[in-house]
Amino acid sequence: MKKIQIKKINLSQIKWNSRRGILELDLLLSNFIKKNNNMSLTLHHQFISLLNNDDNDLYNWIIKSIKTNKSYIKQIICFIKN
C-alpha cells in the first residue's frame, strides 16, 4: 500500500511542477501527464529532468521545435508531442 501512496504523491508533485505559467506548455505537459500517468520509471525520470529546465528553454524546445544536444530531452519531447 505504501507504493501506491508514494506514486500518488509523486504524480501530484509532477503535476504541480509541470505548471509553467505559459499556456501552451501547461496544456501540453498536463495532457502528457494525463495520458501517461502510469509511465515507466525511465520516462518518469526523463520528464522530471525536463521539468528542471528553464521555462524559456522548454518553450523553445517543445513549442518552437528548437533543437537541443541533450538526448534525454529529445526523447521526452518526442513522447510529449505524440
N, C-alpha and C. Protein backbone atom coordinates (compact mmCIF):
# COMPACT_ATOMS: atom_id res chain seq x y z
N MET A 1 0.81 -1.20 0.00
CA MET A 1 0.00 0.00 0.00
C MET A 1 0.85 1.27 0.00
N LYS A 2 2.02 1.22 0.59
CA LYS A 2 2.89 2.40 0.60
C LYS A 2 3.29 2.80 -0.82
N LYS A 3 3.54 1.82 -1.69
CA LYS A 3 3.95 2.13 -3.06
C LYS A 3 2.89 2.96 -3.76
N ILE A 4 1.63 2.64 -3.57
CA ILE A 4 0.54 3.39 -4.19
C ILE A 4 0.52 4.82 -3.67
N GLN A 5 0.68 4.99 -2.38
CA GLN A 5 0.68 6.33 -1.80
C GLN A 5 1.87 7.15 -2.31
N ILE A 6 3.02 6.54 -2.37
CA ILE A 6 4.21 7.23 -2.87
C ILE A 6 4.00 7.63 -4.32
N LYS A 7 3.44 6.73 -5.12
CA LYS A 7 3.21 7.02 -6.51
C LYS A 7 2.24 8.19 -6.67
N LYS A 8 1.18 8.23 -5.86
CA LYS A 8 0.23 9.33 -5.92
C LYS A 8 0.89 10.65 -5.54
N ILE A 9 1.73 10.63 -4.52
CA ILE A 9 2.42 11.83 -4.10
C ILE A 9 3.35 12.30 -5.22
N ASN A 10 4.10 11.39 -5.82
CA ASN A 10 4.99 11.76 -6.90
C ASN A 10 4.23 12.31 -8.09
N LEU A 11 3.09 11.70 -8.42
CA LEU A 11 2.29 12.19 -9.54
C LEU A 11 1.76 13.59 -9.24
N SER A 12 1.35 13.82 -8.00
CA SER A 12 0.89 15.16 -7.61
C SER A 12 2.02 16.17 -7.72
N GLN A 13 3.21 15.79 -7.31
CA GLN A 13 4.37 16.68 -7.41
C GLN A 13 4.69 16.96 -8.87
N ILE A 14 4.61 15.96 -9.70
CA ILE A 14 4.90 16.14 -11.12
C ILE A 14 3.87 17.08 -11.73
N LYS A 15 2.60 16.88 -11.40
CA LYS A 15 1.56 17.78 -11.92
C LYS A 15 1.82 19.22 -11.50
N TRP A 16 2.18 19.40 -10.24
CA TRP A 16 2.45 20.75 -9.73
C TRP A 16 3.66 21.37 -10.43
N ASN A 17 4.73 20.59 -10.58
CA ASN A 17 5.96 21.10 -11.20
C ASN A 17 5.80 21.36 -12.69
N SER A 18 4.80 20.74 -13.31
CA SER A 18 4.61 20.93 -14.74
C SER A 18 3.84 22.22 -15.06
N ARG A 19 3.34 22.88 -14.03
CA ARG A 19 2.67 24.18 -14.24
C ARG A 19 3.75 25.23 -14.46
N ARG A 20 3.78 25.79 -15.66
CA ARG A 20 4.86 26.69 -16.02
C ARG A 20 4.42 28.14 -16.15
N GLY A 21 3.14 28.41 -16.26
CA GLY A 21 2.67 29.77 -16.44
C GLY A 21 2.63 30.21 -17.89
N ILE A 22 2.95 29.31 -18.78
CA ILE A 22 2.85 29.56 -20.21
C ILE A 22 1.78 28.59 -20.73
N LEU A 23 0.68 29.13 -21.20
CA LEU A 23 -0.50 28.34 -21.52
C LEU A 23 -0.19 27.14 -22.41
N GLU A 24 0.54 27.36 -23.48
CA GLU A 24 0.84 26.26 -24.41
C GLU A 24 1.58 25.12 -23.71
N LEU A 25 2.58 25.48 -22.90
CA LEU A 25 3.33 24.46 -22.17
C LEU A 25 2.45 23.75 -21.14
N ASP A 26 1.65 24.53 -20.42
CA ASP A 26 0.77 23.95 -19.41
C ASP A 26 -0.17 22.92 -20.03
N LEU A 27 -0.74 23.24 -21.18
CA LEU A 27 -1.66 22.31 -21.84
C LEU A 27 -0.96 21.05 -22.32
N LEU A 28 0.19 21.21 -22.97
CA LEU A 28 0.92 20.04 -23.46
C LEU A 28 1.41 19.15 -22.33
N LEU A 29 1.99 19.76 -21.31
CA LEU A 29 2.54 18.98 -20.21
C LEU A 29 1.45 18.30 -19.39
N SER A 30 0.34 18.99 -19.14
CA SER A 30 -0.74 18.38 -18.36
C SER A 30 -1.40 17.25 -19.15
N ASN A 31 -1.56 17.42 -20.46
CA ASN A 31 -2.11 16.33 -21.28
C ASN A 31 -1.18 15.13 -21.31
N PHE A 32 0.12 15.40 -21.36
CA PHE A 32 1.09 14.30 -21.34
C PHE A 32 0.98 13.51 -20.05
N ILE A 33 0.84 14.20 -18.94
CA ILE A 33 0.73 13.53 -17.64
C ILE A 33 -0.55 12.71 -17.58
N LYS A 34 -1.65 13.26 -18.07
CA LYS A 34 -2.92 12.53 -18.06
C LYS A 34 -2.84 11.25 -18.88
N LYS A 35 -2.22 11.34 -20.05
CA LYS A 35 -2.11 10.18 -20.93
C LYS A 35 -1.11 9.15 -20.42
N ASN A 36 -0.14 9.58 -19.64
CA ASN A 36 0.97 8.71 -19.22
C ASN A 36 1.10 8.65 -17.71
N ASN A 37 -0.02 8.60 -17.00
CA ASN A 37 0.06 8.59 -15.53
C ASN A 37 0.66 7.30 -14.98
N ASN A 38 0.80 6.29 -15.81
CA ASN A 38 1.49 5.05 -15.40
C ASN A 38 2.80 4.89 -16.18
N MET A 39 3.50 6.00 -16.37
CA MET A 39 4.72 5.97 -17.17
C MET A 39 5.81 5.11 -16.54
N SER A 40 6.68 4.63 -17.39
CA SER A 40 7.80 3.82 -16.91
C SER A 40 8.72 4.68 -16.05
N LEU A 41 9.54 4.01 -15.28
CA LEU A 41 10.48 4.72 -14.41
C LEU A 41 11.44 5.58 -15.23
N THR A 42 11.89 5.08 -16.36
CA THR A 42 12.81 5.83 -17.22
C THR A 42 12.14 7.09 -17.75
N LEU A 43 10.92 6.93 -18.25
CA LEU A 43 10.18 8.08 -18.76
C LEU A 43 9.89 9.08 -17.66
N HIS A 44 9.58 8.57 -16.48
CA HIS A 44 9.33 9.38 -15.30
C HIS A 44 10.56 10.25 -14.99
N HIS A 45 11.73 9.64 -14.97
CA HIS A 45 12.97 10.38 -14.68
C HIS A 45 13.29 11.39 -15.78
N GLN A 46 13.06 11.01 -17.03
CA GLN A 46 13.30 11.94 -18.13
C GLN A 46 12.39 13.16 -18.02
N PHE A 47 11.14 12.92 -17.67
CA PHE A 47 10.18 14.02 -17.56
C PHE A 47 10.55 14.95 -16.42
N ILE A 48 10.93 14.39 -15.29
CA ILE A 48 11.37 15.21 -14.15
C ILE A 48 12.61 16.01 -14.53
N SER A 49 13.56 15.39 -15.22
CA SER A 49 14.76 16.11 -15.67
C SER A 49 14.40 17.25 -16.61
N LEU A 50 13.43 17.00 -17.48
CA LEU A 50 12.98 18.04 -18.40
C LEU A 50 12.41 19.22 -17.62
N LEU A 51 11.60 18.93 -16.61
CA LEU A 51 10.97 19.99 -15.82
C LEU A 51 11.97 20.83 -15.04
N ASN A 52 13.18 20.32 -14.85
CA ASN A 52 14.21 21.07 -14.13
C ASN A 52 14.85 22.16 -14.98
N ASN A 53 14.42 22.27 -16.24
CA ASN A 53 14.97 23.28 -17.14
C ASN A 53 14.15 24.56 -17.07
N ASP A 54 14.74 25.62 -17.57
CA ASP A 54 14.12 26.94 -17.61
C ASP A 54 12.88 26.94 -18.50
N ASP A 55 11.87 27.71 -18.13
CA ASP A 55 10.63 27.79 -18.90
C ASP A 55 10.88 28.20 -20.35
N ASN A 56 11.75 29.15 -20.56
CA ASN A 56 12.04 29.60 -21.93
C ASN A 56 12.67 28.49 -22.76
N ASP A 57 13.55 27.71 -22.15
CA ASP A 57 14.14 26.58 -22.86
C ASP A 57 13.07 25.56 -23.22
N LEU A 58 12.19 25.25 -22.26
CA LEU A 58 11.11 24.31 -22.53
C LEU A 58 10.24 24.80 -23.67
N TYR A 59 9.90 26.07 -23.64
CA TYR A 59 9.07 26.65 -24.70
C TYR A 59 9.76 26.52 -26.05
N ASN A 60 11.04 26.86 -26.09
CA ASN A 60 11.79 26.78 -27.34
C ASN A 60 11.87 25.34 -27.85
N TRP A 61 12.16 24.40 -26.97
CA TRP A 61 12.30 23.01 -27.38
C TRP A 61 10.97 22.38 -27.79
N ILE A 62 9.94 22.62 -27.01
CA ILE A 62 8.66 21.92 -27.24
C ILE A 62 7.77 22.66 -28.22
N ILE A 63 7.61 23.94 -28.07
CA ILE A 63 6.68 24.71 -28.90
C ILE A 63 7.34 25.15 -30.21
N LYS A 64 8.52 25.73 -30.11
CA LYS A 64 9.20 26.24 -31.30
C LYS A 64 10.04 25.19 -32.02
N SER A 65 10.16 24.01 -31.43
CA SER A 65 10.93 22.89 -32.01
C SER A 65 12.40 23.24 -32.25
N ILE A 66 12.97 24.07 -31.38
CA ILE A 66 14.39 24.36 -31.46
C ILE A 66 15.14 23.16 -30.90
N LYS A 67 16.15 22.73 -31.62
CA LYS A 67 16.86 21.50 -31.27
C LYS A 67 17.78 21.71 -30.06
N THR A 68 18.00 20.61 -29.35
CA THR A 68 18.91 20.58 -28.22
C THR A 68 19.91 19.44 -28.42
N ASN A 69 21.04 19.54 -27.78
CA ASN A 69 22.05 18.49 -27.87
C ASN A 69 21.84 17.39 -26.85
N LYS A 70 20.94 17.60 -25.91
CA LYS A 70 20.71 16.64 -24.83
C LYS A 70 19.77 15.53 -25.30
N SER A 71 20.28 14.32 -25.37
CA SER A 71 19.50 13.22 -25.93
C SER A 71 18.26 12.88 -25.10
N TYR A 72 18.36 12.95 -23.77
CA TYR A 72 17.19 12.62 -22.95
C TYR A 72 16.06 13.62 -23.18
N ILE A 73 16.43 14.86 -23.47
CA ILE A 73 15.41 15.88 -23.75
C ILE A 73 14.75 15.60 -25.09
N LYS A 74 15.53 15.22 -26.07
CA LYS A 74 14.96 14.88 -27.38
C LYS A 74 13.95 13.75 -27.25
N GLN A 75 14.29 12.74 -26.47
CA GLN A 75 13.42 11.58 -26.30
C GLN A 75 12.10 11.96 -25.63
N ILE A 76 12.16 12.68 -24.55
CA ILE A 76 10.93 13.01 -23.81
C ILE A 76 10.07 13.99 -24.61
N ILE A 77 10.70 14.89 -25.37
CA ILE A 77 9.92 15.81 -26.20
C ILE A 77 9.17 15.05 -27.28
N CYS A 78 9.78 14.02 -27.84
CA CYS A 78 9.07 13.17 -28.82
C CYS A 78 7.84 12.54 -28.20
N PHE A 79 7.96 12.05 -26.97
CA PHE A 79 6.81 11.47 -26.27
C PHE A 79 5.73 12.53 -26.02
N ILE A 80 6.14 13.71 -25.62
CA ILE A 80 5.18 14.76 -25.31
C ILE A 80 4.40 15.20 -26.55
N LYS A 81 5.08 15.31 -27.66
CA LYS A 81 4.45 15.80 -28.90
C LYS A 81 3.55 14.75 -29.56
N ASN A 82 3.73 13.49 -29.23
CA ASN A 82 2.94 12.43 -29.88
C ASN A 82 1.77 12.01 -29.07
